[in-house]
Amino acid sequence: MRKVLKELLIFNLLPFITGIFIVSDYSIRKSIFWGWSVVFISIGVGLLTFYLAKNKENKSFLKFYLSGMIVRLFLLLLTIFFILKFIGINPISFLFSLFIFYIINQIIELRFIIRSLTKHV
């Protein structure tokens, strides 16, 4: 678990800080921050769901993890809608940063799951 937290910090903070320091427009900075924070919270919930489900039987694991994934995606869509609707940000830079951080974090999450399952088997 420590290794995945280190990867999350390294591979999230590096693009986040780079994006914040390179971009001079405040609305784009705010968009990068909101995109990063939404994905970071989502990945945290996903890792927590996997951690809670990994010691269960196969059928229970699939129910628990996949239902958590559905809830997570629904909450992600709802959060994106509310941020775009009620917070004054640049929608293109928000969606772009959301996309970039989502891909980075999904790779980290999949690596963590694969490592955990190979150790578990």
N, C-alpha and C. Protein backbone atom coordinates (compact mmCIF):
# COMPACT_ATOMS: atom_id res chain seq x y z
N MET A 1 0.82 -1.19 0.00
CA MET A 1 0.00 0.00 0.00
C MET A 1 0.87 1.26 0.00
N ARG A 2 2.01 1.20 0.66
CA ARG A 2 2.91 2.35 0.68
C ARG A 2 3.44 2.68 -0.70
N LYS A 3 3.73 1.64 -1.47
CA LYS A 3 4.27 1.86 -2.80
C LYS A 3 3.26 2.58 -3.69
N VAL A 4 2.00 2.19 -3.59
CA VAL A 4 0.98 2.85 -4.42
C VAL A 4 0.78 4.29 -3.97
N LEU A 5 0.88 4.56 -2.68
CA LEU A 5 0.75 5.94 -2.21
C LEU A 5 1.92 6.80 -2.71
N LYS A 6 3.11 6.21 -2.72
CA LYS A 6 4.27 6.93 -3.25
C LYS A 6 4.10 7.20 -4.74
N GLU A 7 3.61 6.20 -5.49
CA GLU A 7 3.37 6.40 -6.92
C GLU A 7 2.30 7.47 -7.15
N LEU A 8 1.25 7.43 -6.34
CA LEU A 8 0.20 8.44 -6.48
C LEU A 8 0.75 9.84 -6.24
N LEU A 9 1.55 10.01 -5.23
CA LEU A 9 2.12 11.32 -4.95
C LEU A 9 3.06 11.78 -6.06
N ILE A 10 3.93 10.90 -6.49
CA ILE A 10 4.91 11.28 -7.52
C ILE A 10 4.22 11.59 -8.83
N PHE A 11 3.38 10.68 -9.30
CA PHE A 11 2.79 10.84 -10.63
C PHE A 11 1.60 11.80 -10.65
N ASN A 12 1.12 12.25 -9.50
CA ASN A 12 0.08 13.26 -9.46
C ASN A 12 0.64 14.64 -9.19
N LEU A 13 1.55 14.73 -8.25
CA LEU A 13 2.07 16.05 -7.89
C LEU A 13 2.96 16.64 -8.97
N LEU A 14 3.71 15.81 -9.67
CA LEU A 14 4.59 16.33 -10.71
C LEU A 14 3.81 17.04 -11.82
N PRO A 15 2.80 16.40 -12.46
CA PRO A 15 2.04 17.14 -13.48
C PRO A 15 1.21 18.28 -12.89
N PHE A 16 0.70 18.09 -11.67
CA PHE A 16 -0.11 19.13 -11.04
C PHE A 16 0.71 20.39 -10.79
N ILE A 17 1.86 20.24 -10.17
CA ILE A 17 2.71 21.40 -9.87
C ILE A 17 3.24 22.02 -11.15
N THR A 18 3.62 21.19 -12.12
CA THR A 18 4.07 21.71 -13.41
C THR A 18 2.97 22.53 -14.08
N GLY A 19 1.75 22.00 -14.08
CA GLY A 19 0.64 22.72 -14.68
C GLY A 19 0.33 24.02 -13.97
N ILE A 20 0.42 24.02 -12.66
CA ILE A 20 0.13 25.22 -11.88
C ILE A 20 1.19 26.30 -12.12
N PHE A 21 2.47 25.91 -12.21
CA PHE A 21 3.52 26.90 -12.38
C PHE A 21 3.67 27.39 -13.82
N ILE A 22 3.35 26.55 -14.79
CA ILE A 22 3.50 26.96 -16.18
C ILE A 22 2.36 27.87 -16.62
N VAL A 23 1.16 27.57 -16.20
CA VAL A 23 -0.02 28.32 -16.65
C VAL A 23 -0.15 29.61 -15.83
N SER A 24 -0.38 30.71 -16.53
CA SER A 24 -0.51 31.98 -15.83
C SER A 24 -1.96 32.41 -15.63
N ASP A 25 -2.88 31.87 -16.40
CA ASP A 25 -4.29 32.25 -16.29
C ASP A 25 -4.92 31.59 -15.06
N TYR A 26 -5.58 32.39 -14.23
CA TYR A 26 -6.14 31.89 -12.97
C TYR A 26 -7.27 30.88 -13.20
N SER A 27 -8.12 31.11 -14.19
CA SER A 27 -9.23 30.17 -14.41
C SER A 27 -8.73 28.81 -14.88
N ILE A 28 -7.64 28.80 -15.64
CA ILE A 28 -7.07 27.52 -16.08
C ILE A 28 -6.40 26.82 -14.91
N ARG A 29 -5.74 27.58 -14.04
CA ARG A 29 -5.15 26.99 -12.83
C ARG A 29 -6.23 26.36 -11.96
N LYS A 30 -7.33 27.07 -11.82
CA LYS A 30 -8.44 26.55 -11.02
C LYS A 30 -9.01 25.29 -11.67
N SER A 31 -9.06 25.27 -12.99
CA SER A 31 -9.56 24.09 -13.70
C SER A 31 -8.64 22.89 -13.49
N ILE A 32 -7.34 23.12 -13.52
CA ILE A 32 -6.38 22.04 -13.28
C ILE A 32 -6.54 21.52 -11.86
N PHE A 33 -6.69 22.43 -10.90
CA PHE A 33 -6.86 22.01 -9.51
C PHE A 33 -8.12 21.16 -9.34
N TRP A 34 -9.24 21.61 -9.90
CA TRP A 34 -10.49 20.86 -9.74
C TRP A 34 -10.44 19.51 -10.46
N GLY A 35 -9.82 19.46 -11.63
CA GLY A 35 -9.67 18.18 -12.33
C GLY A 35 -8.83 17.21 -11.54
N TRP A 36 -7.73 17.71 -10.98
CA TRP A 36 -6.86 16.86 -10.17
C TRP A 36 -7.57 16.38 -8.92
N SER A 37 -8.25 17.28 -8.22
CA SER A 37 -8.87 16.90 -6.95
C SER A 37 -10.00 15.89 -7.14
N VAL A 38 -10.79 16.05 -8.21
CA VAL A 38 -11.88 15.10 -8.46
C VAL A 38 -11.33 13.71 -8.72
N VAL A 39 -10.32 13.62 -9.56
CA VAL A 39 -9.74 12.31 -9.89
C VAL A 39 -9.00 11.72 -8.69
N PHE A 40 -8.32 12.56 -7.92
CA PHE A 40 -7.58 12.06 -6.76
C PHE A 40 -8.52 11.47 -5.71
N ILE A 41 -9.64 12.12 -5.48
CA ILE A 41 -10.63 11.59 -4.54
C ILE A 41 -11.23 10.29 -5.09
N SER A 42 -11.52 10.27 -6.38
CA SER A 42 -12.08 9.08 -7.00
C SER A 42 -11.13 7.89 -6.91
N ILE A 43 -9.87 8.13 -7.15
CA ILE A 43 -8.91 7.03 -7.09
C ILE A 43 -8.72 6.56 -5.65
N GLY A 44 -8.80 7.47 -4.70
CA GLY A 44 -8.72 7.09 -3.29
C GLY A 44 -9.87 6.19 -2.90
N VAL A 45 -11.07 6.53 -3.34
CA VAL A 45 -12.24 5.69 -3.06
C VAL A 45 -12.10 4.33 -3.75
N GLY A 46 -11.57 4.33 -4.97
CA GLY A 46 -11.37 3.06 -5.68
C GLY A 46 -10.37 2.15 -4.99
N LEU A 47 -9.27 2.72 -4.53
CA LEU A 47 -8.27 1.91 -3.82
C LEU A 47 -8.81 1.40 -2.48
N LEU A 48 -9.58 2.23 -1.80
CA LEU A 48 -10.20 1.81 -0.55
C LEU A 48 -11.20 0.68 -0.79
N THR A 49 -11.99 0.79 -1.85
CA THR A 49 -12.95 -0.25 -2.19
C THR A 49 -12.24 -1.57 -2.50
N PHE A 50 -11.15 -1.49 -3.27
CA PHE A 50 -10.40 -2.71 -3.58
C PHE A 50 -9.79 -3.30 -2.31
N TYR A 51 -9.23 -2.46 -1.47
CA TYR A 51 -8.61 -2.93 -0.24
C TYR A 51 -9.62 -3.64 0.66
N LEU A 52 -10.84 -3.12 0.72
CA LEU A 52 -11.88 -3.76 1.53
C LEU A 52 -12.41 -5.04 0.90
N ALA A 53 -12.36 -5.13 -0.43
CA ALA A 53 -12.96 -6.28 -1.12
C ALA A 53 -11.97 -7.40 -1.41
N LYS A 54 -10.68 -7.17 -1.31
CA LYS A 54 -9.73 -8.16 -1.82
C LYS A 54 -9.68 -9.45 -1.00
N ASN A 55 -10.09 -9.45 0.24
CA ASN A 55 -10.05 -10.67 1.05
C ASN A 55 -11.36 -11.44 1.04
N LYS A 56 -12.29 -11.03 0.23
CA LYS A 56 -13.59 -11.72 0.15
C LYS A 56 -13.53 -12.83 -0.89
N GLU A 57 -14.56 -13.66 -0.91
CA GLU A 57 -14.65 -14.71 -1.93
C GLU A 57 -14.82 -14.06 -3.29
N ASN A 58 -14.61 -14.85 -4.36
CA ASN A 58 -14.65 -14.31 -5.71
C ASN A 58 -15.97 -13.61 -6.04
N LYS A 59 -17.08 -14.27 -5.73
CA LYS A 59 -18.39 -13.71 -6.06
C LYS A 59 -18.64 -12.43 -5.26
N SER A 60 -18.31 -12.46 -3.99
CA SER A 60 -18.49 -11.27 -3.14
C SER A 60 -17.55 -10.15 -3.57
N PHE A 61 -16.34 -10.51 -3.95
CA PHE A 61 -15.37 -9.53 -4.43
C PHE A 61 -15.91 -8.80 -5.65
N LEU A 62 -16.40 -9.57 -6.62
CA LEU A 62 -16.91 -8.95 -7.84
C LEU A 62 -18.11 -8.06 -7.56
N LYS A 63 -19.02 -8.51 -6.73
CA LYS A 63 -20.18 -7.68 -6.39
C LYS A 63 -19.75 -6.40 -5.71
N PHE A 64 -18.89 -6.52 -4.72
CA PHE A 64 -18.46 -5.37 -3.94
C PHE A 64 -17.67 -4.39 -4.80
N TYR A 65 -16.69 -4.88 -5.54
CA TYR A 65 -15.81 -4.01 -6.31
C TYR A 65 -16.53 -3.39 -7.51
N LEU A 66 -17.31 -4.18 -8.24
CA LEU A 66 -17.99 -3.63 -9.41
C LEU A 66 -19.11 -2.68 -9.02
N SER A 67 -19.81 -2.96 -7.94
CA SER A 67 -20.83 -2.00 -7.50
C SER A 67 -20.18 -0.72 -7.01
N GLY A 68 -19.03 -0.83 -6.38
CA GLY A 68 -18.28 0.35 -5.98
C GLY A 68 -17.81 1.15 -7.18
N MET A 69 -17.45 0.45 -8.25
CA MET A 69 -17.03 1.12 -9.47
C MET A 69 -18.18 1.89 -10.13
N ILE A 70 -19.36 1.29 -10.11
CA ILE A 70 -20.54 1.95 -10.67
C ILE A 70 -20.89 3.19 -9.86
N VAL A 71 -20.87 3.07 -8.55
CA VAL A 71 -21.15 4.22 -7.68
C VAL A 71 -20.10 5.30 -7.89
N ARG A 72 -18.85 4.89 -8.01
CA ARG A 72 -17.76 5.83 -8.22
C ARG A 72 -17.91 6.60 -9.53
N LEU A 73 -18.24 5.90 -10.60
CA LEU A 73 -18.43 6.57 -11.89
C LEU A 73 -19.63 7.51 -11.87
N PHE A 74 -20.71 7.09 -11.21
CA PHE A 74 -21.89 7.94 -11.11
C PHE A 74 -21.56 9.21 -10.32
N LEU A 75 -20.86 9.06 -9.21
CA LEU A 75 -20.46 10.23 -8.42
C LEU A 75 -19.49 11.12 -9.17
N LEU A 76 -18.62 10.52 -9.97
CA LEU A 76 -17.68 11.28 -10.79
C LEU A 76 -18.44 12.12 -11.81
N LEU A 77 -19.41 11.52 -12.48
CA LEU A 77 -20.21 12.28 -13.45
C LEU A 77 -21.01 13.39 -12.79
N LEU A 78 -21.58 13.09 -11.65
CA LEU A 78 -22.34 14.09 -10.90
C LEU A 78 -21.45 15.25 -10.45
N THR A 79 -20.26 14.93 -9.98
CA THR A 79 -19.31 15.96 -9.55
C THR A 79 -18.86 16.82 -10.72
N ILE A 80 -18.59 16.18 -11.86
CA ILE A 80 -18.19 16.93 -13.06
C ILE A 80 -19.31 17.88 -13.47
N PHE A 81 -20.54 17.40 -13.45
CA PHE A 81 -21.68 18.24 -13.82
C PHE A 81 -21.78 19.45 -12.90
N PHE A 82 -21.70 19.23 -11.58
CA PHE A 82 -21.83 20.34 -10.65
C PHE A 82 -20.66 21.32 -10.74
N ILE A 83 -19.48 20.82 -10.96
CA ILE A 83 -18.33 21.72 -11.10
C ILE A 83 -18.48 22.57 -12.35
N LEU A 84 -18.86 21.96 -13.47
CA LEU A 84 -19.02 22.72 -14.70
C LEU A 84 -20.19 23.70 -14.62
N LYS A 85 -21.21 23.34 -13.87
CA LYS A 85 -22.41 24.17 -13.78
C LYS A 85 -22.24 25.34 -12.82
N PHE A 86 -21.61 25.11 -11.66
CA PHE A 86 -21.64 26.10 -10.59
C PHE A 86 -20.31 26.78 -10.27
N ILE A 87 -19.21 26.28 -10.79
CA ILE A 87 -17.91 26.90 -10.50
C ILE A 87 -17.39 27.53 -11.79
N GLY A 88 -16.96 28.75 -11.71
CA GLY A 88 -16.50 29.48 -12.89
C GLY A 88 -15.11 29.06 -13.31
N ILE A 89 -15.02 28.01 -14.11
CA ILE A 89 -13.73 27.52 -14.58
C ILE A 89 -13.77 27.40 -16.09
N ASN A 90 -12.62 27.19 -16.67
CA ASN A 90 -12.50 26.94 -18.10
C ASN A 90 -12.85 25.47 -18.34
N PRO A 91 -13.97 25.18 -19.03
CA PRO A 91 -14.40 23.78 -19.16
C PRO A 91 -13.46 22.92 -19.98
N ILE A 92 -12.81 23.49 -20.98
CA ILE A 92 -11.91 22.69 -21.82
C ILE A 92 -10.68 22.27 -21.03
N SER A 93 -10.08 23.21 -20.29
CA SER A 93 -8.90 22.84 -19.51
C SER A 93 -9.28 21.93 -18.34
N PHE A 94 -10.49 22.09 -17.78
CA PHE A 94 -10.94 21.19 -16.72
C PHE A 94 -11.07 19.77 -17.25
N LEU A 95 -11.75 19.60 -18.38
CA LEU A 95 -11.95 18.25 -18.92
C LEU A 95 -10.63 17.65 -19.39
N PHE A 96 -9.74 18.47 -19.94
CA PHE A 96 -8.44 17.96 -20.36
C PHE A 96 -7.62 17.50 -19.17
N SER A 97 -7.57 18.31 -18.10
CA SER A 97 -6.80 17.90 -16.92
C SER A 97 -7.45 16.69 -16.25
N LEU A 98 -8.77 16.64 -16.25
CA LEU A 98 -9.49 15.49 -15.70
C LEU A 98 -9.12 14.23 -16.48
N PHE A 99 -9.08 14.33 -17.79
CA PHE A 99 -8.73 13.20 -18.65
C PHE A 99 -7.29 12.73 -18.38
N ILE A 100 -6.36 13.66 -18.33
CA ILE A 100 -4.95 13.30 -18.12
C ILE A 100 -4.75 12.64 -16.76
N PHE A 101 -5.29 13.27 -15.71
CA PHE A 101 -5.14 12.70 -14.38
C PHE A 101 -5.87 11.37 -14.23
N TYR A 102 -7.01 11.22 -14.90
CA TYR A 102 -7.75 9.97 -14.83
C TYR A 102 -6.95 8.83 -15.44
N ILE A 103 -6.34 9.07 -16.58
CA ILE A 103 -5.54 8.03 -17.24
C ILE A 103 -4.34 7.65 -16.36
N ILE A 104 -3.64 8.66 -15.83
CA ILE A 104 -2.48 8.39 -14.97
C ILE A 104 -2.90 7.55 -13.77
N ASN A 105 -3.99 7.94 -13.14
CA ASN A 105 -4.42 7.25 -11.92
C ASN A 105 -5.01 5.87 -12.19
N GLN A 106 -5.63 5.68 -13.33
CA GLN A 106 -6.12 4.34 -13.66
C GLN A 106 -4.97 3.38 -13.89
N ILE A 107 -3.90 3.86 -14.49
CA ILE A 107 -2.71 3.01 -14.66
C ILE A 107 -2.14 2.62 -13.30
N ILE A 108 -2.06 3.59 -12.39
CA ILE A 108 -1.55 3.31 -11.04
C ILE A 108 -2.47 2.34 -10.31
N GLU A 109 -3.78 2.54 -10.43
CA GLU A 109 -4.73 1.65 -9.77
C GLU A 109 -4.64 0.23 -10.32
N LEU A 110 -4.55 0.08 -11.62
CA LEU A 110 -4.43 -1.26 -12.21
C LEU A 110 -3.13 -1.94 -11.81
N ARG A 111 -2.05 -1.19 -11.76
CA ARG A 111 -0.77 -1.78 -11.30
C ARG A 111 -0.89 -2.26 -9.87
N PHE A 112 -1.56 -1.47 -9.02
CA PHE A 112 -1.75 -1.87 -7.62
C PHE A 112 -2.60 -3.13 -7.52
N ILE A 113 -3.67 -3.20 -8.30
CA ILE A 113 -4.55 -4.37 -8.26
C ILE A 113 -3.82 -5.61 -8.74
N ILE A 114 -3.07 -5.49 -9.82
CA ILE A 114 -2.34 -6.64 -10.35
C ILE A 114 -1.29 -7.12 -9.35
N ARG A 115 -0.55 -6.17 -8.75
CA ARG A 115 0.45 -6.55 -7.75
C ARG A 115 -0.20 -7.21 -6.53
N SER A 116 -1.32 -6.67 -6.09
CA SER A 116 -1.99 -7.22 -4.91
C SER A 116 -2.54 -8.61 -5.18
N LEU A 117 -3.09 -8.82 -6.37
CA LEU A 117 -3.67 -10.12 -6.68
C LEU A 117 -2.61 -11.17 -6.94
N THR A 118 -1.48 -10.80 -7.50
CA THR A 118 -0.42 -11.80 -7.71
C THR A 118 0.22 -12.20 -6.38
N LYS A 119 0.29 -11.28 -5.43
CA LYS A 119 0.79 -11.63 -4.11
C LYS A 119 -0.22 -12.47 -3.34
N HIS A 120 -1.49 -12.21 -3.60
CA HIS A 120 -2.57 -12.87 -2.86
C HIS A 120 -2.77 -14.31 -3.32
N VAL A 121 -2.53 -14.59 -4.60
CA VAL A 121 -2.76 -15.92 -5.16
C VAL A 121 -1.69 -16.87 -4.83
